[in-house]
Amino acid sequence: MIILLMFHSTKIMATLGPASSSKAMVKKLLNHGTNSFRLNTAHGDLGQYNRMVANVKAVSNDVPVVVDLKGPEMRCVLKNPLSVSRGTTAWFGFSAKDEFSFNRDFYSNVKVGSKIFFEDGRCGAKVIEKKDRKLKLGFSGSFELKSNKGVNVPGVGLDFPALSKRDKNIISWAKGKGLHVFALSFCRSASDVLALKKVLGDEPIIISKIESNEGVKNFREILSVSDGIMVARGDLGVEVKKERIPLLQKKMIMRCLNEGKFSIVATQMLESMIKNPYPSRAEVSDIANSVLDGADCLMLSGETAIGSYPVESVKEMRSACEAVEEKVPNLVDMKFSSSTSDSVTKTIYRLSHYLKVNRIIAFTKSGYTCQMISRFRTKVPVIGVSWKKRTMNLLGFYFGVVPVAVKKEPRSSREIISLLMKQKLLKKGNKVILTGNMASGKEQHSNMIEVQEIR
């Protein structure tokens, strides 16, 4: 069993797939810097998911597995691949009987002239005719279109339910497997998140994926009811102008930082490594800039799911992250507020630099103390000690935080230090700051700071 007690500032999420789901490969990915795995339910079936989850748990029970739900996203359904070039036309319907079709019915929402994009905008088409509940599409370039690829219809309001019947079946399966982290694709508003919460209950962790213009417009309200945010740039880059993506990414990450919620940047970060053993310079720069923007976690998709170099992709991403982590600035407004936790954690951040401490240790029930310290991007590793499984999963996504599980709430700082010494996370001579909630009886209410030198 691998115990995830490695200090990684930026967290890496790897998508499971044919290239990465064996026990041996899971172990290699973890050993080279993966912190969580993603199960993309847009592909595969429950039998495959069972095998993937079983293999991850056989290697480590500590690593979070994110169940990525399809939500209201659209995909094409093709009985056979379709080769297109500029000027090619094809009829697409909305029935399983059609040779080429869509999984959701938006016939009445589009008109002649509407643009439709496939696979993160790699293939573009225009509606040139509507007839008998079918759309005649004219394609604008050469592409090999395959079934089950994503579809975008920019500028067209599509009122689909937040969760499909299949999503609900997958949720039931995931609960039975003890999986408690879910990502919601194409999250459009807070009501989408609340609909998912109604099905899940309060315990699971929800990551809202921002990949549409509606999601951007309603970002603040979505963030307020989510545990974390994923900036899913593939579909987002089709739904909004591509040149807007860099600033949108920075603004969303900044908002997450100031609210103490984690952010994930995803899509095409090392796309070339699906086929090549080395990244491009542009890809390395993209990773570095995402870390400098303040992202907590970066995600690999096809690179680890279907690529020829999954381990190399993780190693390259880890290397690119570590090259710039020391230069990540504190982007949080440091004015003190009336919030006890806010002011206490800002004081801890300052003390950690003035006193040159080696570790910040937070014992936390909900994870809030660690979340609030992580937002400063301190160069001092933060150890989050918790007795709650949900908190352990949550802290696994935060920059600079290593979660450590205990069976019950610690009774003293001496007990915590003894535990961390045994796990070799502390050693004699280390200077540490301990913080947590002492005697207040409230969650999200850090009210204690203690400085110790380990002897």
Protein backbone atom coordinates (compact mmCIF):
# COMPACT_ATOMS: atom_id res chain seq x y z
CA MET A 1 0.00 0.00 0.00
CA ILE A 2 1.24 3.50 -0.86
CA ILE A 3 0.65 6.09 1.87
CA LEU A 4 0.40 9.54 0.37
CA LEU A 5 2.63 11.57 2.68
CA MET A 6 4.76 13.28 0.04
CA PHE A 7 5.04 17.06 0.06
CA HIS A 8 3.70 18.28 -3.26
CA SER A 9 2.72 21.93 -3.49
CA THR A 10 0.79 21.78 -6.78
CA LYS A 11 -1.48 18.74 -6.95
CA ILE A 12 -1.80 16.61 -10.09
CA MET A 13 -4.97 14.77 -11.12
CA ALA A 14 -4.57 11.97 -13.68
CA THR A 15 -7.46 10.63 -15.73
CA LEU A 16 -7.84 6.86 -15.66
CA GLY A 17 -8.22 4.94 -18.92
CA PRO A 18 -6.82 2.03 -20.92
CA ALA A 19 -3.29 3.43 -20.62
CA SER A 20 -3.32 4.03 -16.87
CA SER A 21 -5.72 1.81 -14.94
CA SER A 22 -3.63 -1.30 -14.18
CA LYS A 23 -2.31 -1.72 -10.64
CA ALA A 24 1.28 -1.41 -11.84
CA MET A 25 0.56 1.80 -13.73
CA VAL A 26 -1.45 3.33 -10.87
CA LYS A 27 1.50 2.69 -8.55
CA LYS A 28 3.95 4.28 -11.01
CA LEU A 29 1.74 7.37 -11.45
CA LEU A 30 1.47 7.83 -7.69
CA ASN A 31 5.19 7.36 -7.17
CA HIS A 32 5.97 10.04 -9.75
CA GLY A 33 3.67 12.71 -8.33
CA THR A 34 0.00 12.00 -9.00
CA ASN A 35 -2.24 13.06 -6.09
CA SER A 36 -5.71 12.07 -7.32
CA PHE A 37 -7.39 10.18 -10.15
CA ARG A 38 -10.33 11.07 -12.37
CA LEU A 39 -12.94 8.68 -13.70
CA ASN A 40 -14.40 10.16 -16.89
CA THR A 41 -17.91 8.69 -17.11
CA ALA A 42 -18.42 10.09 -20.61
CA HIS A 43 -16.57 6.95 -21.72
CA GLY A 44 -16.74 3.33 -20.60
CA ASP A 45 -19.21 1.38 -18.47
CA LEU A 46 -19.67 0.26 -14.87
CA GLY A 47 -17.66 -2.90 -15.44
CA GLN A 48 -14.65 -0.85 -16.51
CA TYR A 49 -15.14 1.62 -13.66
CA ASN A 50 -15.25 -1.25 -11.17
CA ARG A 51 -11.89 -2.54 -12.37
CA MET A 52 -10.30 0.92 -12.34
CA VAL A 53 -11.46 1.75 -8.82
CA ALA A 54 -10.47 -1.70 -7.52
CA ASN A 55 -6.97 -1.25 -8.91
CA VAL A 56 -6.56 2.21 -7.37
CA LYS A 57 -7.77 0.99 -3.96
CA ALA A 58 -5.49 -2.03 -4.15
CA VAL A 59 -2.55 0.36 -4.38
CA SER A 60 -3.80 3.05 -1.96
CA ASN A 61 -6.98 3.72 -0.01
CA ASP A 62 -5.85 7.30 0.62
CA VAL A 63 -5.91 8.71 -2.91
CA PRO A 64 -9.14 10.49 -3.95
CA VAL A 65 -10.96 9.22 -7.06
CA VAL A 66 -13.04 11.92 -8.74
CA VAL A 67 -16.23 10.74 -10.47
CA ASP A 68 -16.67 13.12 -13.40
CA LEU A 69 -20.37 13.24 -14.29
CA LYS A 70 -21.49 14.14 -17.81
CA GLY A 71 -24.14 16.55 -16.59
CA PRO A 72 -25.87 18.52 -19.37
CA GLU A 73 -23.05 18.09 -21.88
CA MET A 74 -23.75 17.07 -25.50
CA ARG A 75 -22.03 14.40 -27.58
CA CYS A 76 -22.30 13.01 -31.08
CA VAL A 77 -23.32 9.40 -31.69
CA LEU A 78 -21.92 7.84 -34.87
CA LYS A 79 -22.50 4.30 -36.08
CA ASN A 80 -19.30 4.62 -38.09
CA PRO A 81 -16.47 7.21 -38.09
CA LEU A 82 -17.08 10.15 -40.43
CA SER A 83 -14.22 11.56 -42.51
CA VAL A 84 -14.92 15.16 -43.50
CA SER A 85 -13.12 17.89 -45.40
CA ARG A 86 -13.97 21.45 -46.36
CA GLY A 87 -17.36 21.40 -48.11
CA THR A 88 -18.42 17.94 -46.87
CA THR A 89 -22.09 17.77 -45.84
CA ALA A 90 -23.86 15.22 -43.64
CA TRP A 91 -27.28 14.85 -42.03
CA PHE A 92 -27.40 14.55 -38.23
CA GLY A 93 -30.53 13.53 -36.38
CA PHE A 94 -31.61 13.05 -32.77
CA SER A 95 -32.64 9.41 -32.84
CA ALA A 96 -30.58 6.29 -32.17
CA LYS A 97 -31.81 5.03 -35.53
CA ASP A 98 -29.92 7.78 -37.37
CA GLU A 99 -26.47 6.99 -38.75
CA PHE A 100 -25.17 10.27 -37.31
CA SER A 101 -26.95 11.82 -34.33
CA PHE A 102 -26.69 13.85 -31.13
CA ASN A 103 -27.36 12.50 -27.64
CA ARG A 104 -29.57 15.49 -26.74
CA ASP A 105 -32.36 17.13 -28.69
CA PHE A 106 -31.62 20.76 -29.57
CA TYR A 107 -33.36 20.77 -32.98
CA SER A 108 -35.72 23.63 -32.06
CA ASN A 109 -32.92 25.72 -30.49
CA VAL A 110 -30.76 26.10 -33.59
CA LYS A 111 -31.41 27.76 -36.93
CA VAL A 112 -29.82 27.75 -40.35
CA GLY A 113 -26.45 29.43 -39.91
CA SER A 114 -25.87 28.18 -36.35
CA LYS A 115 -22.34 26.89 -35.73
CA ILE A 116 -21.69 23.47 -34.20
CA PHE A 117 -18.27 22.34 -32.99
CA PHE A 118 -16.97 18.87 -32.19
CA GLU A 119 -14.18 17.65 -29.89
CA ASP A 120 -13.16 20.90 -28.17
CA GLY A 121 -13.49 22.87 -31.40
CA ARG A 122 -11.14 20.71 -33.46
CA CYS A 123 -13.90 20.18 -36.02
CA GLY A 124 -16.35 22.91 -37.03
CA ALA A 125 -19.60 22.88 -39.01
CA LYS A 126 -22.54 25.10 -39.84
CA VAL A 127 -26.24 24.24 -40.07
CA ILE A 128 -27.14 24.70 -43.73
CA GLU A 129 -30.58 23.08 -43.70
CA LYS A 130 -33.25 21.88 -41.26
CA LYS A 131 -35.71 19.22 -42.34
CA ASP A 132 -37.76 16.40 -40.75
CA ARG A 133 -36.04 16.84 -37.37
CA LYS A 134 -32.60 16.51 -38.91
CA LEU A 135 -29.80 19.02 -39.42
CA LYS A 136 -27.73 19.19 -42.57
CA LEU A 137 -24.22 20.24 -41.56
CA GLY A 138 -21.54 21.71 -43.80
CA PHE A 139 -18.03 21.12 -42.50
CA SER A 140 -15.24 23.69 -42.67
CA GLY A 141 -12.10 21.53 -42.57
CA SER A 142 -10.59 18.07 -42.67
CA PHE A 143 -11.17 15.80 -39.70
CA GLU A 144 -11.85 12.19 -38.70
CA LEU A 145 -14.97 12.49 -36.53
CA LYS A 146 -15.57 9.62 -34.09
CA SER A 147 -18.51 8.69 -31.89
CA ASN A 148 -19.02 10.01 -28.35
CA LYS A 149 -17.01 13.20 -28.87
CA GLY A 150 -18.11 16.44 -27.23
CA VAL A 151 -20.39 18.87 -29.04
CA ASN A 152 -20.71 22.65 -28.54
CA VAL A 153 -23.32 25.02 -29.94
CA PRO A 154 -22.02 28.48 -28.93
CA GLY A 155 -24.50 31.25 -28.25
CA VAL A 156 -27.52 28.95 -28.10
CA GLY A 157 -29.35 28.54 -24.78
CA LEU A 158 -29.96 24.85 -24.09
CA ASP A 159 -32.15 24.00 -21.11
CA PHE A 160 -31.17 20.43 -20.30
CA PRO A 161 -31.45 18.87 -16.81
CA ALA A 162 -28.31 19.13 -14.67
CA LEU A 163 -28.24 15.34 -14.23
CA SER A 164 -29.16 12.61 -16.68
CA LYS A 165 -30.62 9.24 -15.74
CA ARG A 166 -27.19 7.73 -16.40
CA ASP A 167 -25.56 10.26 -14.07
CA LYS A 168 -27.94 9.22 -11.28
CA ASN A 169 -27.16 5.54 -11.87
CA ILE A 170 -23.45 6.29 -11.71
CA ILE A 171 -23.93 8.23 -8.47
CA SER A 172 -25.67 5.22 -6.90
CA TRP A 173 -22.81 2.99 -8.04
CA ALA A 174 -20.17 5.43 -6.74
CA LYS A 175 -21.78 5.63 -3.31
CA GLY A 176 -21.66 1.85 -3.11
CA LYS A 177 -17.95 1.97 -3.86
CA GLY A 178 -17.26 4.55 -1.16
CA LEU A 179 -16.41 7.33 -3.65
CA HIS A 180 -17.18 10.80 -2.33
CA VAL A 181 -15.74 13.30 -4.82
CA PHE A 182 -17.81 14.34 -7.85
CA ALA A 183 -17.21 16.75 -10.73
CA LEU A 184 -20.20 18.22 -12.55
CA SER A 185 -19.63 18.94 -16.25
CA PHE A 186 -21.07 22.07 -17.89
CA CYS A 187 -22.20 23.59 -14.60
CA ARG A 188 -24.35 26.58 -15.58
CA SER A 189 -25.65 27.97 -12.29
CA ALA A 190 -25.89 27.38 -8.55
CA SER A 191 -29.14 25.48 -9.15
CA ASP A 192 -27.19 22.80 -11.08
CA VAL A 193 -24.92 22.29 -8.06
CA LEU A 194 -27.86 22.25 -5.67
CA ALA A 195 -29.58 19.63 -7.83
CA LEU A 196 -26.49 17.44 -7.49
CA LYS A 197 -26.32 18.07 -3.73
CA LYS A 198 -29.95 16.99 -3.40
CA VAL A 199 -29.01 13.60 -4.84
CA LEU A 200 -25.65 13.29 -3.06
CA GLY A 201 -26.37 14.73 0.39
CA ASP A 202 -23.95 16.95 2.32
CA GLU A 203 -20.99 14.60 2.74
CA PRO A 204 -19.55 14.36 -0.82
CA ILE A 205 -17.18 16.95 -2.30
CA ILE A 206 -18.42 18.76 -5.42
CA ILE A 207 -16.17 20.22 -8.11
CA SER A 208 -18.04 22.46 -10.55
CA LYS A 209 -16.61 22.51 -14.07
CA ILE A 210 -16.81 25.89 -15.77
CA GLU A 211 -16.98 25.25 -19.51
CA SER A 212 -19.77 27.44 -20.88
CA ASN A 213 -20.68 31.10 -21.17
CA GLU A 214 -23.48 30.57 -18.63
CA GLY A 215 -20.99 29.11 -16.17
CA VAL A 216 -18.74 32.16 -16.57
CA LYS A 217 -21.63 34.59 -16.06
CA ASN A 218 -22.82 32.76 -12.93
CA PHE A 219 -19.35 31.93 -11.59
CA ARG A 220 -19.66 33.62 -8.20
CA GLU A 221 -22.93 31.94 -7.31
CA ILE A 222 -21.59 28.57 -8.52
CA LEU A 223 -18.45 28.99 -6.39
CA SER A 224 -20.52 29.84 -3.30
CA VAL A 225 -22.15 26.38 -3.29
CA SER A 226 -19.16 24.35 -4.57
CA ASP A 227 -16.13 22.91 -2.78
CA GLY A 228 -13.86 23.60 -5.73
CA ILE A 229 -13.82 24.76 -9.34
CA MET A 230 -12.35 23.27 -12.50
CA VAL A 231 -11.48 25.66 -15.32
CA ALA A 232 -12.20 23.25 -18.18
CA ARG A 233 -10.62 25.15 -21.04
CA GLY A 234 -11.43 22.78 -23.90
CA ASP A 235 -15.16 23.31 -24.10
CA LEU A 236 -14.86 26.78 -22.57
CA GLY A 237 -12.57 27.81 -25.44
CA VAL A 238 -15.35 26.91 -27.87
CA GLU A 239 -18.20 28.51 -25.92
CA VAL A 240 -16.38 31.84 -25.45
CA LYS A 241 -13.74 33.58 -27.55
CA LYS A 242 -10.41 31.77 -27.18
CA GLU A 243 -8.55 34.98 -26.43
CA ARG A 244 -10.68 35.47 -23.32
CA ILE A 245 -9.50 32.20 -21.71
CA PRO A 246 -6.24 33.43 -20.11
CA LEU A 247 -7.89 36.31 -18.24
CA LEU A 248 -10.94 34.24 -17.34
CA GLN A 249 -8.62 31.60 -15.88
CA LYS A 250 -6.79 34.21 -13.80
CA LYS A 251 -10.00 35.82 -12.53
CA MET A 252 -11.61 32.53 -11.53
CA ILE A 253 -8.47 31.31 -9.75
CA MET A 254 -8.15 34.65 -7.93
CA ARG A 255 -11.74 34.42 -6.69
CA CYS A 256 -11.15 30.87 -5.47
CA LEU A 257 -8.00 31.95 -3.64
CA ASN A 258 -9.71 34.76 -1.79
CA GLU A 259 -12.57 32.49 -0.73
CA GLY A 260 -10.26 29.66 0.33
CA LYS A 261 -11.62 27.20 -2.25
CA PHE A 262 -9.46 25.05 -4.50
CA SER A 263 -9.11 25.49 -8.26
CA ILE A 264 -8.16 22.99 -10.95
CA VAL A 265 -6.93 23.89 -14.43
CA ALA A 266 -7.64 21.29 -17.10
CA THR A 267 -7.51 20.41 -20.79
CA GLN A 268 -4.67 19.98 -23.28
CA MET A 269 -1.93 20.81 -20.80
CA LEU A 270 0.39 18.20 -22.32
CA GLU A 271 -1.67 17.24 -25.36
CA SER A 272 1.37 16.52 -27.54
CA MET A 273 2.50 13.84 -25.07
CA ILE A 274 -0.42 11.62 -26.02
CA LYS A 275 1.87 10.61 -28.90
CA ASN A 276 5.27 12.12 -28.09
CA PRO A 277 7.64 11.39 -25.16
CA TYR A 278 8.47 15.07 -24.59
CA PRO A 279 6.29 18.19 -24.20
CA SER A 280 6.42 21.32 -26.31
CA ARG A 281 7.85 24.51 -24.82
CA ALA A 282 4.40 26.10 -25.06
CA GLU A 283 2.93 23.31 -22.94
CA VAL A 284 5.59 23.71 -20.25
CA SER A 285 4.90 27.46 -20.22
CA ASP A 286 1.16 26.81 -19.92
CA ILE A 287 1.74 24.59 -16.86
CA ALA A 288 4.08 27.13 -15.26
CA ASN A 289 1.71 30.04 -15.85
CA SER A 290 -1.23 28.11 -14.41
CA VAL A 291 0.79 27.49 -11.23
CA LEU A 292 1.83 31.16 -11.11
CA ASP A 293 -1.83 32.14 -11.55
CA GLY A 294 -2.49 30.34 -8.25
CA ALA A 295 -4.03 27.04 -9.36
CA ASP A 296 -4.11 24.35 -6.66
CA CYS A 297 -4.26 21.39 -9.03
CA LEU A 298 -3.60 20.60 -12.69
CA MET A 299 -5.35 17.82 -14.56
CA LEU A 300 -4.13 15.40 -17.22
CA SER A 301 -6.81 13.96 -19.52
CA GLY A 302 -5.95 11.99 -22.64
CA GLU A 303 -2.27 12.17 -21.70
CA THR A 304 -2.77 9.53 -19.00
CA ALA A 305 -6.07 7.96 -20.13
CA ILE A 306 -5.13 6.90 -23.65
CA GLY A 307 -1.64 8.29 -24.25
CA SER A 308 1.53 6.37 -24.99
CA TYR A 309 3.48 8.12 -22.22
CA PRO A 310 1.33 8.44 -19.06
CA VAL A 311 4.19 8.23 -16.54
CA GLU A 312 6.37 10.60 -18.56
CA SER A 313 3.46 13.07 -18.70
CA VAL A 314 3.15 13.11 -14.91
CA LYS A 315 6.91 13.46 -14.49
CA GLU A 316 7.06 16.38 -16.95
CA MET A 317 4.12 18.11 -15.28
CA ARG A 318 5.62 17.64 -11.82
CA SER A 319 8.96 19.00 -13.02
CA ALA A 320 7.35 22.06 -14.65
CA CYS A 321 5.34 22.77 -11.49
CA GLU A 322 8.31 22.49 -9.14
CA ALA A 323 10.38 24.83 -11.32
CA VAL A 324 8.12 27.79 -10.50
CA GLU A 325 6.43 26.98 -7.18
CA GLU A 326 8.96 29.00 -5.17
CA LYS A 327 7.96 32.05 -7.22
CA VAL A 328 4.18 31.78 -6.77
CA PRO A 329 3.08 35.09 -5.21
CA ASN A 330 0.61 35.62 -2.41
CA LEU A 331 -2.38 37.07 -4.27
CA VAL A 332 -4.69 37.39 -1.24
CA ASP A 333 -5.73 40.73 0.26
CA MET A 334 -3.84 40.74 3.59
CA LYS A 335 -6.01 43.26 5.45
CA PHE A 336 -7.29 41.90 8.74
CA SER A 337 -11.03 41.31 9.03
CA SER A 338 -13.57 40.63 11.76
CA SER A 339 -13.35 36.89 11.01
CA THR A 340 -11.30 35.09 13.66
CA SER A 341 -10.09 32.38 11.25
CA ASP A 342 -9.19 34.92 8.57
CA SER A 343 -7.10 37.04 10.93
CA VAL A 344 -5.51 34.08 12.71
CA THR A 345 -4.41 32.44 9.44
CA LYS A 346 -3.02 35.74 8.11
CA THR A 347 -1.00 36.05 11.31
CA ILE A 348 0.26 32.47 10.88
CA TYR A 349 1.39 33.27 7.35
CA ARG A 350 3.41 36.27 8.55
CA LEU A 351 4.86 34.39 11.52
CA SER A 352 5.95 31.48 9.32
CA HIS A 353 8.24 33.85 7.44
CA TYR A 354 9.47 35.95 10.36
CA LEU A 355 10.26 32.88 12.50
CA LYS A 356 11.53 30.74 9.59
CA VAL A 357 9.49 27.71 10.62
CA ASN A 358 9.81 24.32 8.91
CA ARG A 359 6.16 23.21 9.10
CA ILE A 360 2.70 24.60 9.77
CA ILE A 361 0.49 22.00 11.47
CA ALA A 362 -3.27 22.42 11.56
CA PHE A 363 -5.59 20.00 13.29
CA THR A 364 -8.94 20.45 11.66
CA LYS A 365 -12.38 18.87 11.58
CA SER A 366 -13.71 20.48 8.39
CA GLY A 367 -10.42 21.39 6.68
CA TYR A 368 -11.20 25.09 6.80
CA THR A 369 -8.02 26.09 8.67
CA CYS A 370 -5.80 24.44 6.05
CA GLN A 371 -7.86 25.90 3.23
CA MET A 372 -7.37 29.39 4.63
CA ILE A 373 -3.60 28.92 5.09
CA SER A 374 -3.11 27.34 1.65
CA ARG A 375 -4.51 30.42 -0.11
CA PHE A 376 -1.37 32.45 0.81
CA ARG A 377 0.86 30.07 -1.18
CA THR A 378 3.30 29.90 1.71
CA LYS A 379 6.57 28.13 0.94
CA VAL A 380 6.29 26.29 4.27
CA PRO A 381 4.60 22.86 3.96
CA VAL A 382 1.20 22.68 5.68
CA ILE A 383 0.27 19.43 7.44
CA GLY A 384 -3.48 18.99 7.84
CA VAL A 385 -4.28 16.55 10.65
CA SER A 386 -7.88 15.33 10.62
CA TRP A 387 -10.06 12.50 11.86
CA LYS A 388 -12.69 13.00 9.12
CA LYS A 389 -12.53 11.09 5.81
CA ARG A 390 -14.24 13.92 3.93
CA THR A 391 -11.65 16.39 5.16
CA MET A 392 -8.83 14.10 4.10
CA ASN A 393 -10.25 13.94 0.57
CA LEU A 394 -10.82 17.70 0.48
CA LEU A 395 -7.31 18.66 1.61
CA GLY A 396 -5.84 16.40 -1.06
CA PHE A 397 -6.67 19.08 -3.65
CA TYR A 398 -5.08 22.09 -1.90
CA PHE A 399 -1.73 23.62 -2.81
CA GLY A 400 1.01 22.92 -0.29
CA VAL A 401 -1.11 20.74 2.03
CA VAL A 402 -0.36 17.13 2.98
CA PRO A 403 -3.33 15.47 4.73
CA VAL A 404 -2.62 13.15 7.65
CA ALA A 405 -5.36 10.94 9.08
CA VAL A 406 -5.82 10.18 12.78
CA LYS A 407 -8.43 7.89 14.31
CA LYS A 408 -9.84 10.49 16.69
CA GLU A 409 -9.52 14.16 17.52
CA PRO A 410 -6.11 14.87 19.07
CA ARG A 411 -6.14 15.86 22.74
CA SER A 412 -2.95 17.91 22.69
CA SER A 413 -0.23 19.36 20.49
CA ARG A 414 2.20 16.88 22.07
CA GLU A 415 0.10 14.01 20.73
CA ILE A 416 0.12 15.49 17.23
CA ILE A 417 3.88 16.06 17.22
CA SER A 418 4.52 12.53 18.44
CA LEU A 419 2.38 11.13 15.61
CA LEU A 420 4.14 13.20 12.95
CA MET A 421 7.57 12.26 14.32
CA LYS A 422 6.67 8.57 13.94
CA GLN A 423 5.61 9.18 10.36
CA LYS A 424 8.89 11.05 9.71
CA LEU A 425 7.09 14.23 8.76
CA LEU A 426 8.90 16.06 11.57
CA LYS A 427 12.38 15.69 13.03
CA LYS A 428 14.34 17.09 15.94
CA GLY A 429 15.33 20.69 15.45
CA ASN A 430 12.26 21.58 13.35
CA LYS A 431 10.45 24.74 14.33
CA VAL A 432 6.68 24.46 13.82
CA ILE A 433 3.52 26.49 14.15
CA LEU A 434 0.48 24.59 15.40
CA THR A 435 -3.02 25.92 14.93
CA GLY A 436 -6.58 24.76 15.27
CA ASN A 437 -9.81 25.21 17.12
CA MET A 438 -9.46 25.00 20.87
CA ALA A 439 -12.56 24.88 23.10
CA SER A 440 -14.77 27.12 20.93
CA GLY A 441 -16.96 24.22 19.79
CA LYS A 442 -17.39 25.83 16.37
CA GLU A 443 -16.31 24.67 12.94
CA GLN A 444 -14.39 27.07 10.69
CA HIS A 445 -13.19 28.94 13.78
CA SER A 446 -9.40 28.64 14.21
CA ASN A 447 -8.48 30.47 17.41
CA MET A 448 -5.10 29.11 18.53
CA ILE A 449 -1.47 29.67 17.52
CA GLU A 450 1.37 27.77 19.18
CA VAL A 451 5.06 27.86 18.22
CA GLN A 452 7.33 24.96 19.19
CA GLU A 453 10.85 23.75 18.45
CA ILE A 454 11.02 19.96 18.29
CA ARG A 455 13.48 18.56 20.82
